[in-house]
Amino acid sequence: MGKWEYIVMSFDFAERWRPKKQEEEIRKFQERLNTLGAEGWEMIAYEAVPMTGAFTGNVRGHAYLLFLKRQKP
């Protein structure tokens, strides 16, 4: 039976970012995921968590938690 190792990553996405900023952040995140994939990591699940303002309680974006695994050598 194989053994696995796991990591949890987060990616914050503010909804009030300009479209150019959103594009850039997503591109950088995709690069990071591709690097992890090349290292053998596979995303097995993710969870979107609303980010709320401290004073208003309004949702200002989401934090995405990503769960990845790879087989140990």
PDB file of N, CA and C in Angstrom:
ATOM      1  N   MET A   1       0.858  -1.182   0.000  1.00  0.00           N
ATOM      2  CA  MET A   1       0.000   0.000   0.000  1.00  0.00           C
ATOM      3  C   MET A   1       0.901   1.240   0.000  1.00  0.00           C
ATOM      4  N   GLY A   2       0.613   2.195  -0.881  1.00  0.00           N
ATOM      5  CA  GLY A   2       1.407   3.411  -0.969  1.00  0.00           C
ATOM      6  C   GLY A   2       1.176   4.350   0.208  1.00  0.00           C
ATOM      7  N   LYS A   3       2.163   5.185   0.449  1.00  0.00           N
ATOM      8  CA  LYS A   3       2.041   6.213   1.491  1.00  0.00           C
ATOM      9  C   LYS A   3       1.969   7.564   0.807  1.00  0.00           C
ATOM     10  N   TRP A   4       1.231   8.484   1.428  1.00  0.00           N
ATOM     11  CA  TRP A   4       0.970   9.781   0.831  1.00  0.00           C
ATOM     12  C   TRP A   4       1.445  10.902   1.748  1.00  0.00           C
ATOM     13  N   GLU A   5       1.773  12.021   1.153  1.00  0.00           N
ATOM     14  CA  GLU A   5       1.999  13.248   1.919  1.00  0.00           C
ATOM     15  C   GLU A   5       1.032  14.298   1.379  1.00  0.00           C
ATOM     16  N   TYR A   6       0.682  15.243   2.242  1.00  0.00           N
ATOM     17  CA  TYR A   6      -0.345  16.220   1.912  1.00  0.00           C
ATOM     18  C   TYR A   6       0.146  17.629   2.224  1.00  0.00           C
ATOM     19  N   ILE A   7      -0.386  18.600   1.466  1.00  0.00           N
ATOM     20  CA  ILE A   7      -0.187  20.011   1.792  1.00  0.00           C
ATOM     21  C   ILE A   7      -1.518  20.734   1.628  1.00  0.00           C
ATOM     22  N   VAL A   8      -1.665  21.826   2.344  1.00  0.00           N
ATOM     23  CA  VAL A   8      -2.826  22.700   2.211  1.00  0.00           C
ATOM     24  C   VAL A   8      -2.299  24.070   1.819  1.00  0.00           C
ATOM     25  N   MET A   9      -2.850  24.647   0.764  1.00  0.00           N
ATOM     26  CA  MET A   9      -2.458  25.978   0.298  1.00  0.00           C
ATOM     27  C   MET A   9      -3.667  26.892   0.358  1.00  0.00           C
ATOM     28  N   SER A  10      -3.407  28.191   0.383  1.00  0.00           N
ATOM     29  CA  SER A  10      -4.522  29.132   0.306  1.00  0.00           C
ATOM     30  C   SER A  10      -4.248  30.154  -0.788  1.00  0.00           C
ATOM     31  N   PHE A  11      -5.318  30.628  -1.382  1.00  0.00           N
ATOM     32  CA  PHE A  11      -5.278  31.651  -2.412  1.00  0.00           C
ATOM     33  C   PHE A  11      -6.405  32.621  -2.104  1.00  0.00           C
ATOM     34  N   ASP A  12      -6.063  33.883  -1.864  1.00  0.00           N
ATOM     35  CA  ASP A  12      -7.066  34.912  -1.573  1.00  0.00           C
ATOM     36  C   ASP A  12      -7.411  35.647  -2.858  1.00  0.00           C
ATOM     37  N   PHE A  13      -8.689  35.866  -3.066  1.00  0.00           N
ATOM     38  CA  PHE A  13      -9.152  36.557  -4.259  1.00  0.00           C
ATOM     39  C   PHE A  13     -10.128  37.645  -3.839  1.00  0.00           C
ATOM     40  N   ALA A  14      -9.671  38.894  -3.858  1.00  0.00           N
ATOM     41  CA  ALA A  14     -10.526  40.022  -3.467  1.00  0.00           C
ATOM     42  C   ALA A  14     -11.390  40.428  -4.655  1.00  0.00           C
ATOM     43  N   GLU A  15     -12.669  40.547  -4.436  1.00  0.00           N
ATOM     44  CA  GLU A  15     -13.590  40.849  -5.521  1.00  0.00           C
ATOM     45  C   GLU A  15     -13.503  42.301  -5.971  1.00  0.00           C
ATOM     46  N   ARG A  16     -12.882  43.151  -5.190  1.00  0.00           N
ATOM     47  CA  ARG A  16     -12.810  44.557  -5.581  1.00  0.00           C
ATOM     48  C   ARG A  16     -11.527  44.881  -6.361  1.00  0.00           C
ATOM     49  N   TRP A  17     -10.686  43.869  -6.605  1.00  0.00           N
ATOM     50  CA  TRP A  17      -9.493  44.094  -7.408  1.00  0.00           C
ATOM     51  C   TRP A  17      -9.885  44.519  -8.817  1.00  0.00           C
ATOM     52  N   ARG A  18      -9.053  45.320  -9.416  1.00  0.00           N
ATOM     53  CA  ARG A  18      -9.260  45.676 -10.819  1.00  0.00           C
ATOM     54  C   ARG A  18      -9.142  44.411 -11.672  1.00  0.00           C
ATOM     55  N   PRO A  19      -9.798  44.376 -12.813  1.00  0.00           N
ATOM     56  CA  PRO A  19      -9.718  43.175 -13.663  1.00  0.00           C
ATOM     57  C   PRO A  19      -8.275  42.795 -14.011  1.00  0.00           C
ATOM     58  N   LYS A  20      -7.412  43.784 -14.253  1.00  0.00           N
ATOM     59  CA  LYS A  20      -6.013  43.486 -14.586  1.00  0.00           C
ATOM     60  C   LYS A  20      -5.313  42.818 -13.408  1.00  0.00           C
ATOM     61  N   LYS A  21      -5.580  43.282 -12.196  1.00  0.00           N
ATOM     62  CA  LYS A  21      -4.992  42.691 -10.983  1.00  0.00           C
ATOM     63  C   LYS A  21      -5.509  41.262 -10.796  1.00  0.00           C
ATOM     64  N   GLN A  22      -6.805  41.053 -11.020  1.00  0.00           N
ATOM     65  CA  GLN A  22      -7.384  39.721 -10.907  1.00  0.00           C
ATOM     66  C   GLN A  22      -6.702  38.763 -11.884  1.00  0.00           C
ATOM     67  N   GLU A  23      -6.545  39.201 -13.134  1.00  0.00           N
ATOM     68  CA  GLU A  23      -5.889  38.383 -14.153  1.00  0.00           C
ATOM     69  C   GLU A  23      -4.476  37.997 -13.739  1.00  0.00           C
ATOM     70  N   GLU A  24      -3.716  38.975 -13.242  1.00  0.00           N
ATOM     71  CA  GLU A  24      -2.333  38.750 -12.846  1.00  0.00           C
ATOM     72  C   GLU A  24      -2.249  37.759 -11.686  1.00  0.00           C
ATOM     73  N   GLU A  25      -3.108  37.929 -10.683  1.00  0.00           N
ATOM     74  CA  GLU A  25      -3.088  37.026  -9.528  1.00  0.00           C
ATOM     75  C   GLU A  25      -3.466  35.601  -9.926  1.00  0.00           C
ATOM     76  N   ILE A  26      -4.439  35.457 -10.795  1.00  0.00           N
ATOM     77  CA  ILE A  26      -4.836  34.128 -11.258  1.00  0.00           C
ATOM     78  C   ILE A  26      -3.711  33.502 -12.071  1.00  0.00           C
ATOM     79  N   ARG A  27      -3.049  34.271 -12.922  1.00  0.00           N
ATOM     80  CA  ARG A  27      -1.933  33.762 -13.717  1.00  0.00           C
ATOM     81  C   ARG A  27      -0.809  33.260 -12.803  1.00  0.00           C
ATOM     82  N   LYS A  28      -0.465  34.066 -11.778  1.00  0.00           N
ATOM     83  CA  LYS A  28       0.588  33.660 -10.841  1.00  0.00           C
ATOM     84  C   LYS A  28       0.193  32.387 -10.094  1.00  0.00           C
ATOM     85  N   PHE A  29      -1.070  32.290  -9.721  1.00  0.00           N
ATOM     86  CA  PHE A  29      -1.536  31.108  -9.008  1.00  0.00           C
ATOM     87  C   PHE A  29      -1.491  29.879  -9.908  1.00  0.00           C
ATOM     88  N   GLN A  30      -1.874  30.029 -11.180  1.00  0.00           N
ATOM     89  CA  GLN A  30      -1.797  28.919 -12.122  1.00  0.00           C
ATOM     90  C   GLN A  30      -0.357  28.444 -12.285  1.00  0.00           C
ATOM     91  N   GLU A  31       0.577  29.388 -12.350  1.00  0.00           N
ATOM     92  CA  GLU A  31       1.984  29.018 -12.449  1.00  0.00           C
ATOM     93  C   GLU A  31       2.409  28.198 -11.226  1.00  0.00           C
ATOM     94  N   ARG A  32       1.969  28.627 -10.061  1.00  0.00           N
ATOM     95  CA  ARG A  32       2.304  27.905  -8.823  1.00  0.00           C
ATOM     96  C   ARG A  32       1.726  26.491  -8.851  1.00  0.00           C
ATOM     97  N   LEU A  33       0.464  26.364  -9.283  1.00  0.00           N
ATOM     98  CA  LEU A  33      -0.154  25.042  -9.365  1.00  0.00           C
ATOM     99  C   LEU A  33       0.559  24.155 -10.375  1.00  0.00           C
ATOM    100  N   ASN A  34       0.953  24.716 -11.517  1.00  0.00           N
ATOM    101  CA  ASN A  34       1.676  23.942 -12.521  1.00  0.00           C
ATOM    102  C   ASN A  34       3.028  23.467 -11.994  1.00  0.00           C
ATOM    103  N   THR A  35       3.697  24.311 -11.217  1.00  0.00           N
ATOM    104  CA  THR A  35       4.965  23.909 -10.600  1.00  0.00           C
ATOM    105  C   THR A  35       4.742  22.741  -9.648  1.00  0.00           C
ATOM    106  N   LEU A  36       3.708  22.855  -8.823  1.00  0.00           N
ATOM    107  CA  LEU A  36       3.393  21.763  -7.890  1.00  0.00           C
ATOM    108  C   LEU A  36       3.039  20.481  -8.644  1.00  0.00           C
ATOM    109  N   GLY A  37       2.275  20.614  -9.730  1.00  0.00           N
ATOM    110  CA  GLY A  37       1.921  19.442 -10.540  1.00  0.00           C
ATOM    111  C   GLY A  37       3.157  18.766 -11.106  1.00  0.00           C
ATOM    112  N   ALA A  38       4.121  19.576 -11.555  1.00  0.00           N
ATOM    113  CA  ALA A  38       5.371  19.028 -12.087  1.00  0.00           C
ATOM    114  C   ALA A  38       6.165  18.297 -10.998  1.00  0.00           C
ATOM    115  N   GLU A  39       5.942  18.682  -9.745  1.00  0.00           N
ATOM    116  CA  GLU A  39       6.620  18.031  -8.614  1.00  0.00           C
ATOM    117  C   GLU A  39       5.840  16.812  -8.106  1.00  0.00           C
ATOM    118  N   GLY A  40       4.741  16.475  -8.784  1.00  0.00           N
ATOM    119  CA  GLY A  40       3.979  15.284  -8.424  1.00  0.00           C
ATOM    120  C   GLY A  40       2.766  15.528  -7.550  1.00  0.00           C
ATOM    121  N   TRP A  41       2.473  16.796  -7.208  1.00  0.00           N
ATOM    122  CA  TRP A  41       1.317  17.094  -6.360  1.00  0.00           C
ATOM    123  C   TRP A  41       0.040  17.076  -7.194  1.00  0.00           C
ATOM    124  N   GLU A  42      -1.024  16.527  -6.613  1.00  0.00           N
ATOM    125  CA  GLU A  42      -2.334  16.475  -7.253  1.00  0.00           C
ATOM    126  C   GLU A  42      -3.355  17.135  -6.322  1.00  0.00           C
ATOM    127  N   MET A  43      -4.146  18.076  -6.867  1.00  0.00           N
ATOM    128  CA  MET A  43      -5.186  18.702  -6.053  1.00  0.00           C
ATOM    129  C   MET A  43      -6.325  17.700  -5.893  1.00  0.00           C
ATOM    130  N   ILE A  44      -6.705  17.449  -4.646  1.00  0.00           N
ATOM    131  CA  ILE A  44      -7.758  16.463  -4.386  1.00  0.00           C
ATOM    132  C   ILE A  44      -9.054  17.119  -3.934  1.00  0.00           C
ATOM    133  N   ALA A  45      -8.985  18.368  -3.482  1.00  0.00           N
ATOM    134  CA  ALA A  45     -10.198  19.075  -3.046  1.00  0.00           C
ATOM    135  C   ALA A  45      -9.870  20.545  -2.852  1.00  0.00           C
ATOM    136  N   TYR A  46     -10.914  21.369  -2.812  1.00  0.00           N
ATOM    137  CA  TYR A  46     -10.743  22.769  -2.450  1.00  0.00           C
ATOM    138  C   TYR A  46     -11.985  23.238  -1.708  1.00  0.00           C
ATOM    139  N   GLU A  47     -11.831  24.321  -0.980  1.00  0.00           N
ATOM    140  CA  GLU A  47     -12.932  24.903  -0.200  1.00  0.00           C
ATOM    141  C   GLU A  47     -12.863  26.416  -0.346  1.00  0.00           C
ATOM    142  N   ALA A  48     -13.965  27.047  -0.714  1.00  0.00           N
ATOM    143  CA  ALA A  48     -14.044  28.505  -0.799  1.00  0.00           C
ATOM    144  C   ALA A  48     -14.568  29.043   0.531  1.00  0.00           C
ATOM    145  N   VAL A  49     -13.813  29.952   1.139  1.00  0.00           N
ATOM    146  CA  VAL A  49     -14.183  30.530   2.429  1.00  0.00           C
ATOM    147  C   VAL A  49     -14.378  32.033   2.237  1.00  0.00           C
ATOM    148  N   PRO A  50     -15.564  32.571   2.527  1.00  0.00           N
ATOM    149  CA  PRO A  50     -15.770  34.009   2.348  1.00  0.00           C
ATOM    150  C   PRO A  50     -14.866  34.826   3.271  1.00  0.00           C
ATOM    151  N   MET A  51     -14.304  35.907   2.740  1.00  0.00           N
ATOM    152  CA  MET A  51     -13.538  36.868   3.541  1.00  0.00           C
ATOM    153  C   MET A  51     -14.470  38.047   3.797  1.00  0.00           C
ATOM    154  N   THR A  52     -14.659  38.377   5.063  1.00  0.00           N
ATOM    155  CA  THR A  52     -15.568  39.468   5.406  1.00  0.00           C
ATOM    156  C   THR A  52     -14.799  40.638   6.010  1.00  0.00           C
ATOM    157  N   GLY A  53     -15.357  41.826   5.818  1.00  0.00           N
ATOM    158  CA  GLY A  53     -14.760  43.014   6.412  1.00  0.00           C
ATOM    159  C   GLY A  53     -14.904  42.996   7.925  1.00  0.00           C
ATOM    160  N   ALA A  54     -13.916  43.521   8.629  1.00  0.00           N
ATOM    161  CA  ALA A  54     -13.922  43.495  10.093  1.00  0.00           C
ATOM    162  C   ALA A  54     -15.060  44.324  10.678  1.00  0.00           C
ATOM    163  N   PHE A  55     -15.367  45.446  10.059  1.00  0.00           N
ATOM    164  CA  PHE A  55     -16.381  46.335  10.617  1.00  0.00           C
ATOM    165  C   PHE A  55     -17.761  46.113  10.017  1.00  0.00           C
ATOM    166  N   THR A  56     -17.815  45.868   8.710  1.00  0.00           N
ATOM    167  CA  THR A  56     -19.115  45.769   8.048  1.00  0.00           C
ATOM    168  C   THR A  56     -19.672  44.354   8.011  1.00  0.00           C
ATOM    169  N   GLY A  57     -18.782  43.375   8.007  1.00  0.00           N
ATOM    170  CA  GLY A  57     -19.230  41.995   7.861  1.00  0.00           C
ATOM    171  C   GLY A  57     -19.556  41.636   6.425  1.00  0.00           C
ATOM    172  N   ASN A  58     -19.374  42.577   5.486  1.00  0.00           N
ATOM    173  CA  ASN A  58     -19.658  42.320   4.074  1.00  0.00           C
ATOM    174  C   ASN A  58     -18.581  41.408   3.479  1.00  0.00           C
ATOM    175  N   VAL A  59     -18.993  40.549   2.572  1.00  0.00           N
ATOM    176  CA  VAL A  59     -18.036  39.688   1.882  1.00  0.00           C
ATOM    177  C   VAL A  59     -17.235  40.558   0.923  1.00  0.00           C
ATOM    178  N   ARG A  60     -15.899  40.487   1.074  1.00  0.00           N
ATOM    179  CA  ARG A  60     -15.034  41.290   0.207  1.00  0.00           C
ATOM    180  C   ARG A  60     -14.194  40.435  -0.727  1.00  0.00           C
ATOM    181  N   GLY A  61     -14.408  39.149  -0.687  1.00  0.00           N
ATOM    182  CA  GLY A  61     -13.692  38.209  -1.536  1.00  0.00           C
ATOM    183  C   GLY A  61     -13.747  36.825  -0.933  1.00  0.00           C
ATOM    184  N   HIS A  62     -12.939  35.951  -1.469  1.00  0.00           N
ATOM    185  CA  HIS A  62     -12.907  34.576  -0.972  1.00  0.00           C
ATOM    186  C   HIS A  62     -11.468  34.100  -0.818  1.00  0.00           C
ATOM    187  N   ALA A  63     -11.257  33.280   0.166  1.00  0.00           N
ATOM    188  CA  ALA A  63      -9.995  32.559   0.318  1.00  0.00           C
ATOM    189  C   ALA A  63     -10.291  31.127  -0.117  1.00  0.00           C
ATOM    190  N   TYR A  64      -9.451  30.616  -0.964  1.00  0.00           N
ATOM    191  CA  TYR A  64      -9.613  29.249  -1.433  1.00  0.00           C
ATOM    192  C   TYR A  64      -8.548  28.385  -0.775  1.00  0.00           C
ATOM    193  N   LEU A  65      -8.985  27.374  -0.070  1.00  0.00           N
ATOM    194  CA  LEU A  65      -8.067  26.406   0.523  1.00  0.00           C
ATOM    195  C   LEU A  65      -7.992  25.215  -0.425  1.00  0.00           C
ATOM    196  N   LEU A  66      -6.783  24.874  -0.815  1.00  0.00           N
ATOM    197  CA  LEU A  66      -6.572  23.757  -1.722  1.00  0.00           C
ATOM    198  C   LEU A  66      -5.852  22.644  -0.988  1.00  0.00           C
ATOM    199  N   PHE A  67      -6.316  21.444  -1.183  1.00  0.00           N
ATOM    200  CA  PHE A  67      -5.746  20.266  -0.551  1.00  0.00           C
ATOM    201  C   PHE A  67      -5.081  19.432  -1.639  1.00  0.00           C
ATOM    202  N   LEU A  68      -3.785  19.182  -1.465  1.00  0.00           N
ATOM    203  CA  LEU A  68      -3.014  18.451  -2.467  1.00  0.00           C
ATOM    204  C   LEU A  68      -2.332  17.253  -1.838  1.00  0.00           C
ATOM    205  N   LYS A  69      -2.077  16.231  -2.660  1.00  0.00           N
ATOM    206  CA  LYS A  69      -1.369  15.051  -2.169  1.00  0.00           C
ATOM    207  C   LYS A  69      -0.395  14.569  -3.244  1.00  0.00           C
ATOM    208  N   ARG A  70       0.604  13.820  -2.801  1.00  0.00           N
ATOM    209  CA  ARG A  70       1.501  13.110  -3.700  1.00  0.00           C
ATOM    210  C   ARG A  70       2.001  11.874  -2.985  1.00  0.00           C
ATOM    211  N   GLN A  71       2.333  10.878  -3.775  1.00  0.00           N
ATOM    212  CA  GLN A  71       2.812   9.635  -3.193  1.00  0.00           C
ATOM    213  C   GLN A  71       4.252   9.811  -2.725  1.00  0.00           C
ATOM    214  N   LYS A  72       4.519   9.279  -1.538  1.00  0.00           N
ATOM    215  CA  LYS A  72       5.893   9.313  -1.006  1.00  0.00           C
ATOM    216  C   LYS A  72       6.729   8.294  -1.783  1.00  0.00           C
ATOM    217  N   PRO A  73       7.990   8.635  -2.002  1.00  0.00           N
ATOM    218  CA  PRO A  73       8.874   7.686  -2.703  1.00  0.00           C
ATOM    219  C   PRO A  73       9.156   6.442  -1.868  1.00  0.00           C
TER     220      PRO A  73
END
